[in-house]
């Protein structure tokens, strides 16, 4: 069942990457953080490179998402059946992504 947690982590990392990629960052919990690291349209200018890999929020989030997906596939064990698991995976990924993207990572209006 660890694959389920890893797939949920992948959706969280994907929501972070999507938020910091564009203007949505202004209404997120990342809006007051260092834009040279968090906002992709700025961070590419300032990101430290290690072997041509940029160290900024977007690249780290995407990398962690991919690692989570790969580990999820490696640790996959059937719960119901492969087709049902596939549907459950898709639903849980999308619901969790939307929860984090639209609710958890949004800045609260005062």
PDB file of N, CA and C in Angstrom:
ATOM      1  N   UNK A   1       0.805  -1.207   0.000  1.00  0.00           N
ATOM      2  CA  UNK A   1       0.000   0.000   0.000  1.00  0.00           C
ATOM      3  C   UNK A   1       0.848   1.271   0.000  1.00  0.00           C
ATOM      4  N   UNK A   2       2.165   1.118   0.116  1.00  0.00           N
ATOM      5  CA  UNK A   2       3.024   2.295   0.086  1.00  0.00           C
ATOM      6  C   UNK A   2       2.941   3.001  -1.261  1.00  0.00           C
ATOM      7  N   UNK A   3       2.608   2.258  -2.305  1.00  0.00           N
ATOM      8  CA  UNK A   3       2.510   2.874  -3.629  1.00  0.00           C
ATOM      9  C   UNK A   3       1.406   3.930  -3.669  1.00  0.00           C
ATOM     10  N   UNK A   4       0.375   3.749  -2.875  1.00  0.00           N
ATOM     11  CA  UNK A   4      -0.711   4.739  -2.832  1.00  0.00           C
ATOM     12  C   UNK A   4      -0.196   6.050  -2.229  1.00  0.00           C
ATOM     13  N   UNK A   5       0.544   5.935  -1.132  1.00  0.00           N
ATOM     14  CA  UNK A   5       1.115   7.140  -0.510  1.00  0.00           C
ATOM     15  C   UNK A   5       2.087   7.840  -1.453  1.00  0.00           C
ATOM     16  N   UNK A   6       2.890   7.056  -2.164  1.00  0.00           N
ATOM     17  CA  UNK A   6       3.836   7.643  -3.113  1.00  0.00           C
ATOM     18  C   UNK A   6       3.115   8.345  -4.262  1.00  0.00           C
ATOM     19  N   UNK A   7       2.007   7.775  -4.722  1.00  0.00           N
ATOM     20  CA  UNK A   7       1.258   8.434  -5.797  1.00  0.00           C
ATOM     21  C   UNK A   7       0.591   9.712  -5.298  1.00  0.00           C
ATOM     22  N   UNK A   8       0.151   9.711  -4.035  1.00  0.00           N
ATOM     23  CA  UNK A   8      -0.410  10.938  -3.463  1.00  0.00           C
ATOM     24  C   UNK A   8       0.668  12.006  -3.304  1.00  0.00           C
ATOM     25  N   UNK A   9       1.867  11.593  -2.920  1.00  0.00           N
ATOM     26  CA  UNK A   9       2.984  12.538  -2.850  1.00  0.00           C
ATOM     27  C   UNK A   9       3.286  13.119  -4.229  1.00  0.00           C
ATOM     28  N   UNK A  10       3.239  12.273  -5.255  1.00  0.00           N
ATOM     29  CA  UNK A  10       3.481  12.750  -6.622  1.00  0.00           C
ATOM     30  C   UNK A  10       2.485  13.838  -6.996  1.00  0.00           C
ATOM     31  N   UNK A  11       1.236  13.673  -6.610  1.00  0.00           N
ATOM     32  CA  UNK A  11       0.228  14.689  -6.945  1.00  0.00           C
ATOM     33  C   UNK A  11       0.470  15.993  -6.181  1.00  0.00           C
ATOM     34  N   UNK A  12       0.970  15.890  -4.965  1.00  0.00           N
ATOM     35  CA  UNK A  12       1.295  17.099  -4.190  1.00  0.00           C
ATOM     36  C   UNK A  12       2.453  17.841  -4.851  1.00  0.00           C
ATOM     37  N   UNK A  13       3.511  17.106  -5.208  1.00  0.00           N
ATOM     38  CA  UNK A  13       4.655  17.737  -5.877  1.00  0.00           C
ATOM     39  C   UNK A  13       4.253  18.350  -7.214  1.00  0.00           C
ATOM     40  N   UNK A  14       3.341  17.699  -7.924  1.00  0.00           N
ATOM     41  CA  UNK A  14       2.861  18.237  -9.195  1.00  0.00           C
ATOM     42  C   UNK A  14       2.080  19.530  -8.983  1.00  0.00           C
ATOM     43  N   UNK A  15       1.270  19.585  -7.934  1.00  0.00           N
ATOM     44  CA  UNK A  15       0.512  20.813  -7.659  1.00  0.00           C
ATOM     45  C   UNK A  15       1.446  21.960  -7.279  1.00  0.00           C
ATOM     46  N   UNK A  16       2.485  21.658  -6.539  1.00  0.00           N
ATOM     47  CA  UNK A  16       3.467  22.695  -6.193  1.00  0.00           C
ATOM     48  C   UNK A  16       4.130  23.225  -7.458  1.00  0.00           C
ATOM     49  N   UNK A  17       4.569  22.317  -8.326  1.00  0.00           N
ATOM     50  CA  UNK A  17       5.229  22.734  -9.571  1.00  0.00           C
ATOM     51  C   UNK A  17       4.295  23.590 -10.423  1.00  0.00           C
ATOM     52  N   UNK A  18       3.035  23.218 -10.506  1.00  0.00           N
ATOM     53  CA  UNK A  18       2.089  23.998 -11.311  1.00  0.00           C
ATOM     54  C   UNK A  18       1.850  25.381 -10.725  1.00  0.00           C
ATOM     55  N   UNK A  19       1.791  25.495  -9.423  1.00  0.00           N
ATOM     56  CA  UNK A  19       1.558  26.799  -8.797  1.00  0.00           C
ATOM     57  C   UNK A  19       2.749  27.730  -8.984  1.00  0.00           C
ATOM     58  N   UNK A  20       3.954  27.228  -8.793  1.00  0.00           N
ATOM     59  CA  UNK A  20       5.124  28.111  -8.879  1.00  0.00           C
ATOM     60  C   UNK A  20       5.537  28.398 -10.312  1.00  0.00           C
ATOM     61  N   UNK A  21       4.874  27.748 -11.260  1.00  0.00           N
ATOM     62  CA  UNK A  21       5.239  27.924 -12.665  1.00  0.00           C
ATOM     63  C   UNK A  21       4.724  29.225 -13.273  1.00  0.00           C
ATOM     64  N   UNK A  22       3.606  29.742 -12.774  1.00  0.00           N
ATOM     65  CA  UNK A  22       3.014  30.917 -13.409  1.00  0.00           C
ATOM     66  C   UNK A  22       2.455  31.886 -12.365  1.00  0.00           C
ATOM     67  N   UNK A  23       1.584  32.762 -12.814  1.00  0.00           N
ATOM     68  CA  UNK A  23       1.067  33.822 -11.949  1.00  0.00           C
ATOM     69  C   UNK A  23       0.232  33.313 -10.782  1.00  0.00           C
ATOM     70  N   UNK A  24      -0.134  32.054 -10.773  1.00  0.00           N
ATOM     71  CA  UNK A  24      -0.890  31.509  -9.647  1.00  0.00           C
ATOM     72  C   UNK A  24      -0.112  31.597  -8.343  1.00  0.00           C
ATOM     73  N   UNK A  25       1.170  31.776  -8.444  1.00  0.00           N
ATOM     74  CA  UNK A  25       1.989  31.887  -7.239  1.00  0.00           C
ATOM     75  C   UNK A  25       1.557  33.084  -6.394  1.00  0.00           C
ATOM     76  N   UNK A  26       1.028  34.121  -7.026  1.00  0.00           N
ATOM     77  CA  UNK A  26       0.647  35.331  -6.284  1.00  0.00           C
ATOM     78  C   UNK A  26      -0.511  35.095  -5.311  1.00  0.00           C
ATOM     79  N   UNK A  27      -1.295  34.064  -5.541  1.00  0.00           N
ATOM     80  CA  UNK A  27      -2.395  33.762  -4.627  1.00  0.00           C
ATOM     81  C   UNK A  27      -2.134  32.476  -3.843  1.00  0.00           C
ATOM     82  N   UNK A  28      -0.866  32.113  -3.726  1.00  0.00           N
ATOM     83  CA  UNK A  28      -0.516  30.872  -3.027  1.00  0.00           C
ATOM     84  C   UNK A  28       0.290  31.157  -1.765  1.00  0.00           C
ATOM     85  N   UNK A  29       0.528  30.100  -1.012  1.00  0.00           N
ATOM     86  CA  UNK A  29       1.329  30.234   0.203  1.00  0.00           C
ATOM     87  C   UNK A  29       2.792  30.545  -0.120  1.00  0.00           C
ATOM     88  N   UNK A  30       3.182  30.437  -1.384  1.00  0.00           N
ATOM     89  CA  UNK A  30       4.559  30.713  -1.797  1.00  0.00           C
ATOM     90  C   UNK A  30       4.778  32.167  -2.197  1.00  0.00           C
ATOM     91  N   UNK A  31       3.739  32.968  -2.203  1.00  0.00           N
ATOM     92  CA  UNK A  31       3.820  34.337  -2.732  1.00  0.00           C
ATOM     93  C   UNK A  31       4.786  35.239  -1.972  1.00  0.00           C
ATOM     94  N   UNK A  32       4.961  35.008  -0.688  1.00  0.00           N
ATOM     95  CA  UNK A  32       5.836  35.880   0.100  1.00  0.00           C
ATOM     96  C   UNK A  32       7.237  35.300   0.283  1.00  0.00           C
ATOM     97  N   UNK A  33       7.481  34.166  -0.345  1.00  0.00           N
ATOM     98  CA  UNK A  33       8.806  33.555  -0.250  1.00  0.00           C
ATOM     99  C   UNK A  33       9.700  34.109  -1.348  1.00  0.00           C
ATOM    100  N   UNK A  34      10.979  33.824  -1.264  1.00  0.00           N
ATOM    101  CA  UNK A  34      11.966  34.320  -2.220  1.00  0.00           C
ATOM    102  C   UNK A  34      11.602  33.911  -3.649  1.00  0.00           C
ATOM    103  N   UNK A  35      11.216  34.890  -4.462  1.00  0.00           N
ATOM    104  CA  UNK A  35      10.797  34.625  -5.839  1.00  0.00           C
ATOM    105  C   UNK A  35      11.941  34.112  -6.708  1.00  0.00           C
ATOM    106  N   UNK A  36      13.167  34.392  -6.312  1.00  0.00           N
ATOM    107  CA  UNK A  36      14.314  33.905  -7.071  1.00  0.00           C
ATOM    108  C   UNK A  36      14.488  32.395  -6.931  1.00  0.00           C
ATOM    109  N   UNK A  37      13.798  31.790  -5.982  1.00  0.00           N
ATOM    110  CA  UNK A  37      13.798  30.336  -5.848  1.00  0.00           C
ATOM    111  C   UNK A  37      12.433  29.749  -6.203  1.00  0.00           C
ATOM    112  N   UNK A  38      11.347  30.423  -5.806  1.00  0.00           N
ATOM    113  CA  UNK A  38      10.019  29.836  -5.904  1.00  0.00           C
ATOM    114  C   UNK A  38       9.301  30.120  -7.216  1.00  0.00           C
ATOM    115  N   UNK A  39       9.485  31.250  -7.817  1.00  0.00           N
ATOM    116  CA  UNK A  39       8.729  31.622  -9.019  1.00  0.00           C
ATOM    117  C   UNK A  39       9.532  31.245 -10.261  1.00  0.00           C
ATOM    118  N   UNK A  40       9.030  30.286 -11.020  1.00  0.00           N
ATOM    119  CA  UNK A  40       9.794  29.739 -12.141  1.00  0.00           C
ATOM    120  C   UNK A  40      10.229  30.802 -13.143  1.00  0.00           C
ATOM    121  N   UNK A  41       9.404  31.792 -13.381  1.00  0.00           N
ATOM    122  CA  UNK A  41       9.755  32.818 -14.375  1.00  0.00           C
ATOM    123  C   UNK A  41      10.873  33.734 -13.906  1.00  0.00           C
ATOM    124  N   UNK A  42      11.206  33.684 -12.637  1.00  0.00           N
ATOM    125  CA  UNK A  42      12.353  34.418 -12.094  1.00  0.00           C
ATOM    126  C   UNK A  42      13.502  33.478 -11.741  1.00  0.00           C
ATOM    127  N   UNK A  43      13.154  32.332 -11.211  1.00  0.00           N
ATOM    128  CA  UNK A  43      14.182  31.440 -10.648  1.00  0.00           C
ATOM    129  C   UNK A  43      15.160  30.919 -11.693  1.00  0.00           C
ATOM    130  N   UNK A  44      14.741  30.792 -12.943  1.00  0.00           N
ATOM    131  CA  UNK A  44      15.653  30.265 -13.955  1.00  0.00           C
ATOM    132  C   UNK A  44      16.878  31.169 -14.132  1.00  0.00           C
ATOM    133  N   UNK A  45      16.713  32.448 -13.813  1.00  0.00           N
ATOM    134  CA  UNK A  45      17.832  33.387 -13.940  1.00  0.00           C
ATOM    135  C   UNK A  45      18.848  33.225 -12.816  1.00  0.00           C
ATOM    136  N   UNK A  46      18.395  32.753 -11.666  1.00  0.00           N
ATOM    137  CA  UNK A  46      19.226  32.732 -10.469  1.00  0.00           C
ATOM    138  C   UNK A  46      19.556  31.336  -9.956  1.00  0.00           C
ATOM    139  N   UNK A  47      18.940  30.321 -10.507  1.00  0.00           N
ATOM    140  CA  UNK A  47      19.086  28.961  -9.980  1.00  0.00           C
ATOM    141  C   UNK A  47      20.522  28.470 -10.067  1.00  0.00           C
ATOM    142  N   UNK A  48      20.971  27.894  -8.980  1.00  0.00           N
ATOM    143  CA  UNK A  48      22.271  27.236  -8.970  1.00  0.00           C
ATOM    144  C   UNK A  48      22.166  25.984  -9.816  1.00  0.00           C
ATOM    145  N   UNK A  49      23.217  25.699 -10.567  1.00  0.00           N
ATOM    146  CA  UNK A  49      23.206  24.496 -11.407  1.00  0.00           C
ATOM    147  C   UNK A  49      24.200  23.481 -10.875  1.00  0.00           C
ATOM    148  N   UNK A  50      23.756  22.234 -10.853  1.00  0.00           N
ATOM    149  CA  UNK A  50      24.640  21.119 -10.520  1.00  0.00           C
ATOM    150  C   UNK A  50      24.520  20.137 -11.677  1.00  0.00           C
ATOM    151  N   UNK A  51      25.590  19.992 -12.437  1.00  0.00           N
ATOM    152  CA  UNK A  51      25.572  19.142 -13.634  1.00  0.00           C
ATOM    153  C   UNK A  51      24.425  19.530 -14.563  1.00  0.00           C
ATOM    154  N   UNK A  52      24.244  20.823 -14.756  1.00  0.00           N
ATOM    155  CA  UNK A  52      23.206  21.394 -15.613  1.00  0.00           C
ATOM    156  C   UNK A  52      21.783  21.181 -15.078  1.00  0.00           C
ATOM    157  N   UNK A  53      21.663  20.762 -13.836  1.00  0.00           N
ATOM    158  CA  UNK A  53      20.357  20.627 -13.176  1.00  0.00           C
ATOM    159  C   UNK A  53      20.132  21.878 -12.342  1.00  0.00           C
ATOM    160  N   UNK A  54      19.026  22.572 -12.615  1.00  0.00           N
ATOM    161  CA  UNK A  54      18.731  23.804 -11.888  1.00  0.00           C
ATOM    162  C   UNK A  54      18.081  23.489 -10.549  1.00  0.00           C
ATOM    163  N   UNK A  55      18.617  24.107  -9.509  1.00  0.00           N
ATOM    164  CA  UNK A  55      18.064  23.940  -8.167  1.00  0.00           C
ATOM    165  C   UNK A  55      17.116  25.091  -7.865  1.00  0.00           C
ATOM    166  N   UNK A  56      15.864  24.893  -8.212  1.00  0.00           N
ATOM    167  CA  UNK A  56      14.815  25.834  -7.852  1.00  0.00           C
ATOM    168  C   UNK A  56      13.560  25.030  -7.523  1.00  0.00           C
ATOM    169  N   UNK A  57      12.539  25.696  -7.058  1.00  0.00           N
ATOM    170  CA  UNK A  57      11.336  25.007  -6.586  1.00  0.00           C
ATOM    171  C   UNK A  57      10.670  24.189  -7.678  1.00  0.00           C
ATOM    172  N   UNK A  58      10.594  24.742  -8.888  1.00  0.00           N
ATOM    173  CA  UNK A  58       9.914  24.032  -9.962  1.00  0.00           C
ATOM    174  C   UNK A  58      10.642  22.740 -10.322  1.00  0.00           C
ATOM    175  N   UNK A  59      11.952  22.823 -10.529  1.00  0.00           N
ATOM    176  CA  UNK A  59      12.709  21.633 -10.921  1.00  0.00           C
ATOM    177  C   UNK A  59      12.731  20.581  -9.804  1.00  0.00           C
ATOM    178  N   UNK A  60      12.868  21.032  -8.579  1.00  0.00           N
ATOM    179  CA  UNK A  60      12.846  20.082  -7.466  1.00  0.00           C
ATOM    180  C   UNK A  60      11.485  19.402  -7.338  1.00  0.00           C
ATOM    181  N   UNK A  61      10.414  20.169  -7.480  1.00  0.00           N
ATOM    182  CA  UNK A  61       9.072  19.594  -7.394  1.00  0.00           C
ATOM    183  C   UNK A  61       8.825  18.581  -8.500  1.00  0.00           C
ATOM    184  N   UNK A  62       9.216  18.930  -9.723  1.00  0.00           N
ATOM    185  CA  UNK A  62       9.034  18.001 -10.847  1.00  0.00           C
ATOM    186  C   UNK A  62       9.862  16.736 -10.637  1.00  0.00           C
ATOM    187  N   UNK A  63      11.079  16.888 -10.177  1.00  0.00           N
ATOM    188  CA  UNK A  63      11.941  15.725  -9.943  1.00  0.00           C
ATOM    189  C   UNK A  63      11.372  14.826  -8.856  1.00  0.00           C
ATOM    190  N   UNK A  64      10.892  15.419  -7.779  1.00  0.00           N
ATOM    191  CA  UNK A  64      10.294  14.639  -6.704  1.00  0.00           C
ATOM    192  C   UNK A  64       9.004  13.959  -7.159  1.00  0.00           C
ATOM    193  N   UNK A  65       8.257  14.620  -8.036  1.00  0.00           N
ATOM    194  CA  UNK A  65       7.055  14.001  -8.583  1.00  0.00           C
ATOM    195  C   UNK A  65       7.420  12.756  -9.397  1.00  0.00           C
ATOM    196  N   UNK A  66       8.409  12.873 -10.254  1.00  0.00           N
ATOM    197  CA  UNK A  66       8.826  11.740 -11.084  1.00  0.00           C
ATOM    198  C   UNK A  66       9.376  10.607 -10.223  1.00  0.00           C
ATOM    199  N   UNK A  67      10.194  10.941  -9.235  1.00  0.00           N
ATOM    200  CA  UNK A  67      10.721   9.909  -8.333  1.00  0.00           C
ATOM    201  C   UNK A  67       9.587   9.207  -7.588  1.00  0.00           C
ATOM    202  N   UNK A  68       8.599   9.964  -7.160  1.00  0.00           N
ATOM    203  CA  UNK A  68       7.455   9.371  -6.465  1.00  0.00           C
ATOM    204  C   UNK A  68       6.679   8.436  -7.386  1.00  0.00           C
ATOM    205  N   UNK A  69       6.486   8.847  -8.643  1.00  0.00           N
ATOM    206  CA  UNK A  69       5.813   7.985  -9.614  1.00  0.00           C
ATOM    207  C   UNK A  69       6.573   6.675  -9.832  1.00  0.00           C
ATOM    208  N   UNK A  70       7.867   6.800 -10.024  1.00  0.00           N
ATOM    209  CA  UNK A  70       8.695   5.609 -10.280  1.00  0.00           C
ATOM    210  C   UNK A  70       8.656   4.668  -9.079  1.00  0.00           C
ATOM    211  N   UNK A  71       8.842   5.215  -7.890  1.00  0.00           N
ATOM    212  CA  UNK A  71       8.791   4.378  -6.690  1.00  0.00           C
ATOM    213  C   UNK A  71       7.409   3.774  -6.485  1.00  0.00           C
ATOM    214  N   UNK A  72       6.376   4.522  -6.864  1.00  0.00           N
ATOM    215  CA  UNK A  72       5.019   3.995  -6.778  1.00  0.00           C
ATOM    216  C   UNK A  72       4.850   2.798  -7.705  1.00  0.00           C
ATOM    217  N   UNK A  73       5.376   2.903  -8.904  1.00  0.00           N
ATOM    218  CA  UNK A  73       5.284   1.784  -9.856  1.00  0.00           C
ATOM    219  C   UNK A  73       6.080   0.581  -9.372  1.00  0.00           C
ATOM    220  N   UNK A  74       7.240   0.828  -8.791  1.00  0.00           N
ATOM    221  CA  UNK A  74       8.089  -0.260  -8.296  1.00  0.00           C
ATOM    222  C   UNK A  74       7.426  -0.994  -7.133  1.00  0.00           C
ATOM    223  N   UNK A  75       6.758  -0.253  -6.267  1.00  0.00           N
ATOM    224  CA  UNK A  75       6.172  -0.850  -5.059  1.00  0.00           C
ATOM    225  C   UNK A  75       4.707  -1.262  -5.250  1.00  0.00           C
ATOM    226  N   UNK A  76       4.188  -1.118  -6.464  1.00  0.00           N
ATOM    227  CA  UNK A  76       2.776  -1.421  -6.729  1.00  0.00           C
ATOM    228  C   UNK A  76       2.440  -2.869  -6.375  1.00  0.00           C
ATOM    229  N   UNK A  77       1.345  -3.027  -5.660  1.00  0.00           N
ATOM    230  CA  UNK A  77       0.751  -4.332  -5.376  1.00  0.00           C
ATOM    231  C   UNK A  77      -0.750  -4.195  -5.587  1.00  0.00           C
ATOM    232  N   UNK A  78      -1.318  -5.169  -6.248  1.00  0.00           N
ATOM    233  CA  UNK A  78      -2.742  -5.128  -6.571  1.00  0.00           C
ATOM    234  C   UNK A  78      -3.587  -5.057  -5.301  1.00  0.00           C
ATOM    235  N   UNK A  79      -4.573  -4.169  -5.326  1.00  0.00           N
ATOM    236  CA  UNK A  79      -5.520  -4.049  -4.222  1.00  0.00           C
ATOM    237  C   UNK A  79      -6.811  -4.773  -4.587  1.00  0.00           C
ATOM    238  N   UNK A  80      -7.412  -4.391  -5.705  1.00  0.00           N
ATOM    239  CA  UNK A  80      -8.647  -5.030  -6.160  1.00  0.00           C
ATOM    240  C   UNK A  80      -8.337  -5.844  -7.419  1.00  0.00           C
ATOM    241  N   UNK A  81      -8.064  -5.138  -8.493  1.00  0.00           N
ATOM    242  CA  UNK A  81      -7.604  -5.718  -9.751  1.00  0.00           C
ATOM    243  C   UNK A  81      -6.887  -4.598 -10.491  1.00  0.00           C
ATOM    244  N   UNK A  82      -6.061  -4.925 -11.445  1.00  0.00           N
ATOM    245  CA  UNK A  82      -5.303  -3.866 -12.125  1.00  0.00           C
ATOM    246  C   UNK A  82      -6.204  -2.796 -12.752  1.00  0.00           C
ATOM    247  N   UNK A  83      -7.268  -3.166 -13.468  1.00  0.00           N
ATOM    248  CA  UNK A  83      -8.126  -2.111 -14.036  1.00  0.00           C
ATOM    249  C   UNK A  83      -8.792  -1.243 -12.968  1.00  0.00           C
ATOM    250  N   UNK A  84      -9.264  -1.856 -11.902  1.00  0.00           N
ATOM    251  CA  UNK A  84      -9.907  -1.087 -10.826  1.00  0.00           C
ATOM    252  C   UNK A  84      -8.866  -0.227 -10.114  1.00  0.00           C
ATOM    253  N   UNK A  85      -7.697  -0.796  -9.862  1.00  0.00           N
ATOM    254  CA  UNK A  85      -6.616  -0.028  -9.235  1.00  0.00           C
ATOM    255  C   UNK A  85      -6.243   1.177 -10.094  1.00  0.00           C
ATOM    256  N   UNK A  86      -6.213   0.996 -11.417  1.00  0.00           N
ATOM    257  CA  UNK A  86      -5.888   2.086 -12.329  1.00  0.00           C
ATOM    258  C   UNK A  86      -6.896   3.225 -12.187  1.00  0.00           C
ATOM    259  N   UNK A  87      -8.170   2.885 -12.117  1.00  0.00           N
ATOM    260  CA  UNK A  87      -9.224   3.897 -11.948  1.00  0.00           C
ATOM    261  C   UNK A  87      -9.099   4.569 -10.577  1.00  0.00           C
ATOM    262  N   UNK A  88      -8.877   3.772  -9.540  1.00  0.00           N
ATOM    263  CA  UNK A  88      -8.706   4.328  -8.196  1.00  0.00           C
ATOM    264  C   UNK A  88      -7.487   5.242  -8.123  1.00  0.00           C
ATOM    265  N   UNK A  89      -6.393   4.825  -8.785  1.00  0.00           N
ATOM    266  CA  UNK A  89      -5.196   5.655  -8.820  1.00  0.00           C
ATOM    267  C   UNK A  89      -5.491   6.993  -9.486  1.00  0.00           C
ATOM    268  N   UNK A  90      -6.147   6.949 -10.657  1.00  0.00           N
ATOM    269  CA  UNK A  90      -6.465   8.180 -11.377  1.00  0.00           C
ATOM    270  C   UNK A  90      -7.352   9.110 -10.570  1.00  0.00           C
ATOM    271  N   UNK A  91      -8.376   8.556  -9.958  1.00  0.00           N
ATOM    272  CA  UNK A  91      -9.275   9.368  -9.131  1.00  0.00           C
ATOM    273  C   UNK A  91      -8.560   9.970  -7.932  1.00  0.00           C
ATOM    274  N   UNK A  92      -7.799   9.138  -7.215  1.00  0.00           N
ATOM    275  CA  UNK A  92      -7.126   9.639  -6.011  1.00  0.00           C
ATOM    276  C   UNK A  92      -6.065  10.676  -6.372  1.00  0.00           C
ATOM    277  N   UNK A  93      -5.337  10.448  -7.468  1.00  0.00           N
ATOM    278  CA  UNK A  93      -4.318  11.412  -7.893  1.00  0.00           C
ATOM    279  C   UNK A  93      -4.971  12.752  -8.211  1.00  0.00           C
ATOM    280  N   UNK A  94      -6.007  12.733  -9.029  1.00  0.00           N
ATOM    281  CA  UNK A  94      -6.649  13.984  -9.452  1.00  0.00           C
ATOM    282  C   UNK A  94      -7.361  14.695  -8.310  1.00  0.00           C
ATOM    283  N   UNK A  95      -8.025  13.953  -7.457  1.00  0.00           N
ATOM    284  CA  UNK A  95      -8.682  14.577  -6.309  1.00  0.00           C
ATOM    285  C   UNK A  95      -7.657  15.203  -5.359  1.00  0.00           C
ATOM    286  N   UNK A  96      -6.581  14.482  -5.105  1.00  0.00           N
ATOM    287  CA  UNK A  96      -5.546  15.007  -4.217  1.00  0.00           C
ATOM    288  C   UNK A  96      -4.840  16.212  -4.836  1.00  0.00           C
ATOM    289  N   UNK A  97      -4.553  16.144  -6.144  1.00  0.00           N
ATOM    290  CA  UNK A  97      -3.940  17.281  -6.831  1.00  0.00           C
ATOM    291  C   UNK A  97      -4.824  18.516  -6.681  1.00  0.00           C
ATOM    292  N   UNK A  98      -6.110  18.373  -6.971  1.00  0.00           N
ATOM    293  CA  UNK A  98      -7.026  19.512  -6.889  1.00  0.00           C
ATOM    294  C   UNK A  98      -7.178  20.029  -5.467  1.00  0.00           C
ATOM    295  N   UNK A  99      -7.185  19.145  -4.491  1.00  0.00           N
ATOM    296  CA  UNK A  99      -7.248  19.567  -3.089  1.00  0.00           C
ATOM    297  C   UNK A  99      -6.052  20.448  -2.750  1.00  0.00           C
ATOM    298  N   UNK A 100      -4.857  19.998  -3.104  1.00  0.00           N
ATOM    299  CA  UNK A 100      -3.650  20.764  -2.791  1.00  0.00           C
ATOM    300  C   UNK A 100      -3.546  22.034  -3.631  1.00  0.00           C
ATOM    301  N   UNK A 101      -3.855  21.942  -4.918  1.00  0.00           N
ATOM    302  CA  UNK A 101      -3.715  23.089  -5.816  1.00  0.00           C
ATOM    303  C   UNK A 101      -4.721  24.190  -5.493  1.00  0.00           C
ATOM    304  N   UNK A 102      -5.972  23.820  -5.240  1.00  0.00           N
ATOM    305  CA  UNK A 102      -7.031  24.814  -5.078  1.00  0.00           C
ATOM    306  C   UNK A 102      -7.348  25.173  -3.629  1.00  0.00           C
ATOM    307  N   UNK A 103      -6.915  24.342  -2.668  1.00  0.00           N
ATOM    308  CA  UNK A 103      -7.299  24.588  -1.281  1.00  0.00           C
ATOM    309  C   UNK A 103      -6.078  24.740  -0.372  1.00  0.00           C
ATOM    310  N   UNK A 104      -5.307  23.707  -0.225  1.00  0.00           N
ATOM    311  CA  UNK A 104      -4.234  23.686   0.773  1.00  0.00           C
ATOM    312  C   UNK A 104      -3.153  24.725   0.498  1.00  0.00           C
ATOM    313  N   UNK A 105      -2.733  24.853  -0.755  1.00  0.00           N
ATOM    314  CA  UNK A 105      -1.628  25.755  -1.071  1.00  0.00           C
ATOM    315  C   UNK A 105      -2.066  27.175  -1.431  1.00  0.00           C
ATOM    316  N   UNK A 106      -3.336  27.467  -1.290  1.00  0.00           N
ATOM    317  CA  UNK A 106      -3.843  28.818  -1.558  1.00  0.00           C
ATOM    318  C   UNK A 106      -3.705  29.674  -0.308  1.00  0.00           C
ATOM    319  N   UNK A 107      -3.343  30.923  -0.526  1.00  0.00           N
ATOM    320  CA  UNK A 107      -3.248  31.866   0.571  1.00  0.00           C
ATOM    321  C   UNK A 107      -4.653  32.217   1.039  1.00  0.00           C
ATOM    322  N   UNK A 108      -4.831  32.247   2.318  1.00  0.00           N
ATOM    323  CA  UNK A 108      -6.128  32.583   2.894  1.00  0.00           C
ATOM    324  C   UNK A 108      -6.369  34.079   2.776  1.00  0.00           C
ATOM    325  N   UNK A 109      -7.550  34.439   2.318  1.00  0.00           N
ATOM    326  CA  UNK A 109      -7.900  35.866   2.207  1.00  0.00           C
ATOM    327  C   UNK A 109      -8.360  36.353   3.558  1.00  0.00           C
ATOM    328  N   UNK A 110      -7.903  37.542   3.919  1.00  0.00           N
ATOM    329  CA  UNK A 110      -8.234  38.111   5.226  1.00  0.00           C
ATOM    330  C   UNK A 110      -9.465  38.964   5.165  1.00  0.00           C
TER     331      UNK A 110
END
